[in-house]
Amino acid sequence: MAWIDACARDDIEEEDLIRFDHGGKTFVIYRSPDSEFFCTDGLCTHEHVHLEDGLVQEYEIECPKHNATFDYRSGEALRAPACVDLNTYRVKVEGDRVMIEL
């Protein structure tokens, strides 16, 4: 495991996300309403659709294809058709950079 520099703090608005690709995988980094940062896999567990175009509200991401919903803090699948949780990754902020542990 190593800490990877993913983006700048200011790259993500509150209640929004940014896509980050690394090592052949897609991730999504979220900024919560209280300016905390979280990271999950970037593809919905239902049909592997990119979550980058999904709707972020409070602490949830809604898949743009079939409206499956996940809690991005824990990765928990909250609404069908998704029934498999998203993987989550540790995040830290160093200065103005957002780092994820991969």
N, C-alpha and C. Protein backbone atom coordinates (compact mmCIF):
# COMPACT_ATOMS: atom_id res chain seq x y z
N MET A 1 0.84 -1.19 0.00
CA MET A 1 0.00 0.00 0.00
C MET A 1 0.89 1.25 0.00
N ALA A 2 0.44 2.24 -0.76
CA ALA A 2 1.17 3.50 -0.84
C ALA A 2 0.17 4.64 -0.96
N TRP A 3 0.56 5.81 -0.48
CA TRP A 3 -0.27 6.99 -0.62
C TRP A 3 -0.02 7.62 -2.00
N ILE A 4 -1.09 7.85 -2.75
CA ILE A 4 -1.02 8.39 -4.10
C ILE A 4 -1.64 9.78 -4.12
N ASP A 5 -0.94 10.74 -4.71
CA ASP A 5 -1.46 12.10 -4.87
C ASP A 5 -2.54 12.07 -5.95
N ALA A 6 -3.79 12.32 -5.55
CA ALA A 6 -4.91 12.17 -6.48
C ALA A 6 -5.41 13.48 -7.08
N CYS A 7 -5.45 14.55 -6.27
CA CYS A 7 -5.98 15.82 -6.77
C CYS A 7 -5.74 16.91 -5.72
N ALA A 8 -6.09 18.13 -6.08
CA ALA A 8 -6.04 19.24 -5.13
C ALA A 8 -7.37 19.34 -4.39
N ARG A 9 -7.33 19.81 -3.17
CA ARG A 9 -8.57 20.01 -2.38
C ARG A 9 -9.59 20.80 -3.17
N ASP A 10 -9.14 21.86 -3.83
CA ASP A 10 -10.05 22.76 -4.52
C ASP A 10 -10.58 22.20 -5.83
N ASP A 11 -10.10 21.02 -6.24
CA ASP A 11 -10.62 20.39 -7.46
C ASP A 11 -12.03 19.85 -7.28
N ILE A 12 -12.44 19.70 -6.01
CA ILE A 12 -13.75 19.11 -5.71
C ILE A 12 -14.57 20.07 -4.86
N GLU A 13 -15.74 20.43 -5.34
CA GLU A 13 -16.67 21.26 -4.57
C GLU A 13 -17.33 20.40 -3.50
N GLU A 14 -17.88 21.03 -2.46
CA GLU A 14 -18.65 20.29 -1.45
C GLU A 14 -19.82 19.60 -2.12
N GLU A 15 -20.13 18.39 -1.64
CA GLU A 15 -21.18 17.53 -2.19
C GLU A 15 -20.96 17.29 -3.69
N ASP A 16 -19.72 16.99 -4.04
CA ASP A 16 -19.39 16.67 -5.42
C ASP A 16 -18.30 15.60 -5.43
N LEU A 17 -17.84 15.24 -6.62
CA LEU A 17 -16.86 14.19 -6.76
C LEU A 17 -15.94 14.48 -7.93
N ILE A 18 -14.86 13.71 -8.00
CA ILE A 18 -13.94 13.76 -9.13
C ILE A 18 -13.49 12.34 -9.43
N ARG A 19 -13.34 12.03 -10.70
CA ARG A 19 -12.83 10.72 -11.12
C ARG A 19 -11.31 10.74 -11.05
N PHE A 20 -10.74 9.60 -10.64
CA PHE A 20 -9.29 9.45 -10.58
C PHE A 20 -8.95 8.06 -11.09
N ASP A 21 -8.13 7.99 -12.14
CA ASP A 21 -7.71 6.71 -12.70
C ASP A 21 -6.26 6.45 -12.31
N HIS A 22 -5.99 5.21 -11.88
CA HIS A 22 -4.62 4.85 -11.47
C HIS A 22 -4.45 3.34 -11.59
N GLY A 23 -3.36 2.93 -12.19
CA GLY A 23 -3.05 1.50 -12.26
C GLY A 23 -4.11 0.67 -12.95
N GLY A 24 -4.77 1.24 -13.96
CA GLY A 24 -5.79 0.50 -14.69
C GLY A 24 -7.14 0.42 -14.00
N LYS A 25 -7.30 1.11 -12.88
CA LYS A 25 -8.57 1.13 -12.15
C LYS A 25 -9.11 2.55 -12.08
N THR A 26 -10.42 2.65 -11.92
CA THR A 26 -11.09 3.94 -11.79
C THR A 26 -11.60 4.09 -10.36
N PHE A 27 -11.34 5.26 -9.79
CA PHE A 27 -11.79 5.60 -8.44
C PHE A 27 -12.60 6.88 -8.51
N VAL A 28 -13.34 7.15 -7.45
CA VAL A 28 -14.05 8.42 -7.32
C VAL A 28 -13.72 8.98 -5.94
N ILE A 29 -13.37 10.26 -5.91
CA ILE A 29 -13.09 10.94 -4.65
C ILE A 29 -14.20 11.95 -4.41
N TYR A 30 -14.77 11.90 -3.22
CA TYR A 30 -15.92 12.73 -2.86
C TYR A 30 -15.51 13.76 -1.82
N ARG A 31 -16.20 14.91 -1.85
CA ARG A 31 -16.06 15.91 -0.80
C ARG A 31 -17.42 16.05 -0.14
N SER A 32 -17.47 15.73 1.14
CA SER A 32 -18.74 15.72 1.87
C SER A 32 -19.21 17.14 2.18
N PRO A 33 -20.45 17.28 2.66
CA PRO A 33 -20.97 18.61 3.03
C PRO A 33 -20.14 19.31 4.10
N ASP A 34 -19.40 18.54 4.90
CA ASP A 34 -18.55 19.15 5.94
C ASP A 34 -17.07 19.13 5.53
N SER A 35 -16.83 19.05 4.21
CA SER A 35 -15.48 19.13 3.62
C SER A 35 -14.54 18.01 4.01
N GLU A 36 -15.07 16.83 4.33
CA GLU A 36 -14.24 15.65 4.49
C GLU A 36 -14.15 14.98 3.12
N PHE A 37 -13.08 14.21 2.92
CA PHE A 37 -12.86 13.54 1.64
C PHE A 37 -12.96 12.03 1.82
N PHE A 38 -13.55 11.36 0.82
CA PHE A 38 -13.74 9.91 0.83
C PHE A 38 -13.42 9.38 -0.56
N CYS A 39 -13.11 8.08 -0.65
CA CYS A 39 -12.79 7.48 -1.94
C CYS A 39 -13.42 6.10 -2.04
N THR A 40 -14.01 5.81 -3.20
CA THR A 40 -14.56 4.48 -3.50
C THR A 40 -14.11 4.06 -4.89
N ASP A 41 -14.40 2.80 -5.22
CA ASP A 41 -14.26 2.38 -6.61
C ASP A 41 -15.09 3.31 -7.47
N GLY A 42 -14.68 3.49 -8.71
CA GLY A 42 -15.37 4.43 -9.59
C GLY A 42 -16.46 3.83 -10.45
N LEU A 43 -16.68 2.52 -10.33
CA LEU A 43 -17.70 1.85 -11.14
C LEU A 43 -18.78 1.27 -10.24
N CYS A 44 -20.04 1.44 -10.64
CA CYS A 44 -21.17 0.87 -9.91
C CYS A 44 -21.03 -0.65 -9.90
N THR A 45 -21.37 -1.27 -8.79
CA THR A 45 -21.27 -2.72 -8.67
C THR A 45 -22.39 -3.44 -9.41
N HIS A 46 -23.39 -2.72 -9.89
CA HIS A 46 -24.49 -3.35 -10.60
C HIS A 46 -24.14 -3.67 -12.04
N GLU A 47 -23.84 -2.67 -12.86
CA GLU A 47 -23.48 -2.91 -14.26
C GLU A 47 -22.19 -2.21 -14.66
N HIS A 48 -21.36 -1.89 -13.70
CA HIS A 48 -20.03 -1.32 -13.94
C HIS A 48 -20.07 -0.02 -14.74
N VAL A 49 -21.06 0.82 -14.45
CA VAL A 49 -21.18 2.14 -15.05
C VAL A 49 -20.33 3.12 -14.23
N HIS A 50 -19.66 4.05 -14.90
CA HIS A 50 -18.86 5.06 -14.19
C HIS A 50 -19.74 5.91 -13.30
N LEU A 51 -19.33 6.09 -12.07
CA LEU A 51 -20.08 6.90 -11.10
C LEU A 51 -19.79 8.39 -11.23
N GLU A 52 -18.80 8.77 -12.03
CA GLU A 52 -18.41 10.17 -12.12
C GLU A 52 -19.55 11.08 -12.55
N ASP A 53 -20.53 10.57 -13.29
CA ASP A 53 -21.68 11.38 -13.71
C ASP A 53 -22.88 11.22 -12.78
N GLY A 54 -22.68 10.55 -11.65
CA GLY A 54 -23.76 10.34 -10.70
C GLY A 54 -24.05 11.57 -9.87
N LEU A 55 -25.17 11.53 -9.20
CA LEU A 55 -25.63 12.63 -8.36
C LEU A 55 -25.15 12.41 -6.92
N VAL A 56 -24.48 13.42 -6.36
CA VAL A 56 -24.02 13.37 -4.98
C VAL A 56 -24.95 14.24 -4.14
N GLN A 57 -25.53 13.64 -3.11
CA GLN A 57 -26.37 14.38 -2.16
C GLN A 57 -26.04 13.90 -0.77
N GLU A 58 -25.73 14.86 0.10
CA GLU A 58 -25.34 14.52 1.47
C GLU A 58 -24.16 13.56 1.42
N TYR A 59 -24.36 12.31 1.87
CA TYR A 59 -23.28 11.33 1.93
C TYR A 59 -23.55 10.15 0.99
N GLU A 60 -24.30 10.41 -0.06
CA GLU A 60 -24.67 9.34 -0.98
C GLU A 60 -24.31 9.70 -2.42
N ILE A 61 -23.99 8.64 -3.19
CA ILE A 61 -23.78 8.76 -4.63
C ILE A 61 -24.85 7.90 -5.31
N GLU A 62 -25.51 8.48 -6.30
CA GLU A 62 -26.53 7.77 -7.06
C GLU A 62 -25.97 7.47 -8.44
N CYS A 63 -26.02 6.21 -8.84
CA CYS A 63 -25.52 5.79 -10.15
C CYS A 63 -26.37 6.45 -11.24
N PRO A 64 -25.72 6.97 -12.30
CA PRO A 64 -26.47 7.66 -13.35
C PRO A 64 -27.30 6.72 -14.24
N LYS A 65 -27.06 5.42 -14.19
CA LYS A 65 -27.78 4.52 -15.11
C LYS A 65 -29.08 3.97 -14.54
N HIS A 66 -29.02 3.30 -13.39
CA HIS A 66 -30.22 2.67 -12.83
C HIS A 66 -30.57 3.18 -11.44
N ASN A 67 -29.95 4.28 -11.03
CA ASN A 67 -30.28 4.95 -9.77
C ASN A 67 -29.97 4.15 -8.51
N ALA A 68 -29.07 3.18 -8.60
CA ALA A 68 -28.60 2.53 -7.38
C ALA A 68 -27.92 3.60 -6.54
N THR A 69 -28.00 3.47 -5.23
CA THR A 69 -27.43 4.47 -4.33
C THR A 69 -26.49 3.80 -3.34
N PHE A 70 -25.38 4.48 -3.05
CA PHE A 70 -24.38 4.00 -2.11
C PHE A 70 -24.04 5.10 -1.11
N ASP A 71 -23.73 4.69 0.13
CA ASP A 71 -23.15 5.61 1.11
C ASP A 71 -21.65 5.62 0.82
N TYR A 72 -21.13 6.75 0.35
CA TYR A 72 -19.73 6.77 -0.06
C TYR A 72 -18.76 6.74 1.11
N ARG A 73 -19.24 6.93 2.33
CA ARG A 73 -18.36 6.83 3.49
C ARG A 73 -18.00 5.38 3.79
N SER A 74 -18.96 4.49 3.63
CA SER A 74 -18.75 3.07 3.95
C SER A 74 -18.75 2.18 2.71
N GLY A 75 -19.26 2.71 1.58
CA GLY A 75 -19.41 1.92 0.37
C GLY A 75 -20.69 1.11 0.33
N GLU A 76 -21.49 1.18 1.40
CA GLU A 76 -22.70 0.37 1.51
C GLU A 76 -23.70 0.66 0.40
N ALA A 77 -24.17 -0.42 -0.25
CA ALA A 77 -25.23 -0.31 -1.25
C ALA A 77 -26.54 -0.06 -0.51
N LEU A 78 -27.19 1.07 -0.82
CA LEU A 78 -28.39 1.48 -0.10
C LEU A 78 -29.68 1.22 -0.86
N ARG A 79 -29.60 1.18 -2.21
CA ARG A 79 -30.82 1.02 -3.00
C ARG A 79 -30.54 0.12 -4.20
N ALA A 80 -31.49 -0.77 -4.45
CA ALA A 80 -31.42 -1.65 -5.62
C ALA A 80 -31.42 -0.80 -6.88
N PRO A 81 -30.86 -1.30 -7.96
CA PRO A 81 -30.51 -2.70 -8.19
C PRO A 81 -29.15 -3.12 -7.64
N ALA A 82 -28.36 -2.23 -7.11
CA ALA A 82 -27.07 -2.63 -6.55
C ALA A 82 -27.28 -3.36 -5.23
N CYS A 83 -26.58 -4.48 -5.07
CA CYS A 83 -26.66 -5.21 -3.80
C CYS A 83 -25.26 -5.53 -3.27
N VAL A 84 -24.23 -5.18 -4.04
CA VAL A 84 -22.85 -5.37 -3.62
C VAL A 84 -22.26 -4.01 -3.27
N ASP A 85 -21.62 -3.92 -2.11
CA ASP A 85 -21.02 -2.66 -1.66
C ASP A 85 -19.84 -2.26 -2.54
N LEU A 86 -19.56 -0.95 -2.57
CA LEU A 86 -18.36 -0.43 -3.22
C LEU A 86 -17.17 -0.62 -2.29
N ASN A 87 -16.00 -0.87 -2.84
CA ASN A 87 -14.77 -0.85 -2.04
C ASN A 87 -14.46 0.60 -1.68
N THR A 88 -13.95 0.81 -0.49
CA THR A 88 -13.56 2.15 -0.06
C THR A 88 -12.05 2.17 0.20
N TYR A 89 -11.48 3.36 0.17
CA TYR A 89 -10.04 3.53 0.33
C TYR A 89 -9.78 4.68 1.30
N ARG A 90 -8.70 4.56 2.06
CA ARG A 90 -8.34 5.60 3.02
C ARG A 90 -7.91 6.86 2.28
N VAL A 91 -8.27 8.00 2.86
CA VAL A 91 -7.95 9.31 2.27
C VAL A 91 -7.33 10.18 3.36
N LYS A 92 -6.33 10.98 2.96
CA LYS A 92 -5.79 12.00 3.86
C LYS A 92 -5.50 13.24 3.03
N VAL A 93 -5.46 14.37 3.72
CA VAL A 93 -5.14 15.64 3.07
C VAL A 93 -3.80 16.11 3.60
N GLU A 94 -2.89 16.41 2.68
CA GLU A 94 -1.58 16.96 3.05
C GLU A 94 -1.45 18.31 2.35
N GLY A 95 -1.49 19.37 3.13
CA GLY A 95 -1.47 20.71 2.54
C GLY A 95 -2.73 20.91 1.73
N ASP A 96 -2.58 21.16 0.44
CA ASP A 96 -3.76 21.34 -0.41
C ASP A 96 -3.98 20.12 -1.31
N ARG A 97 -3.30 19.00 -1.03
CA ARG A 97 -3.40 17.79 -1.86
C ARG A 97 -4.22 16.70 -1.16
N VAL A 98 -5.03 16.01 -1.95
CA VAL A 98 -5.81 14.87 -1.47
C VAL A 98 -5.08 13.60 -1.89
N MET A 99 -4.78 12.77 -0.90
CA MET A 99 -4.03 11.53 -1.12
C MET A 99 -4.93 10.34 -0.82
N ILE A 100 -4.82 9.28 -1.65
CA ILE A 100 -5.56 8.05 -1.36
C ILE A 100 -4.57 6.91 -1.22
N GLU A 101 -4.91 5.97 -0.34
CA GLU A 101 -4.04 4.84 -0.09
C GLU A 101 -4.44 3.67 -0.98
N LEU A 102 -3.54 3.29 -1.86
CA LEU A 102 -3.82 2.19 -2.79
C LEU A 102 -2.74 1.12 -2.66
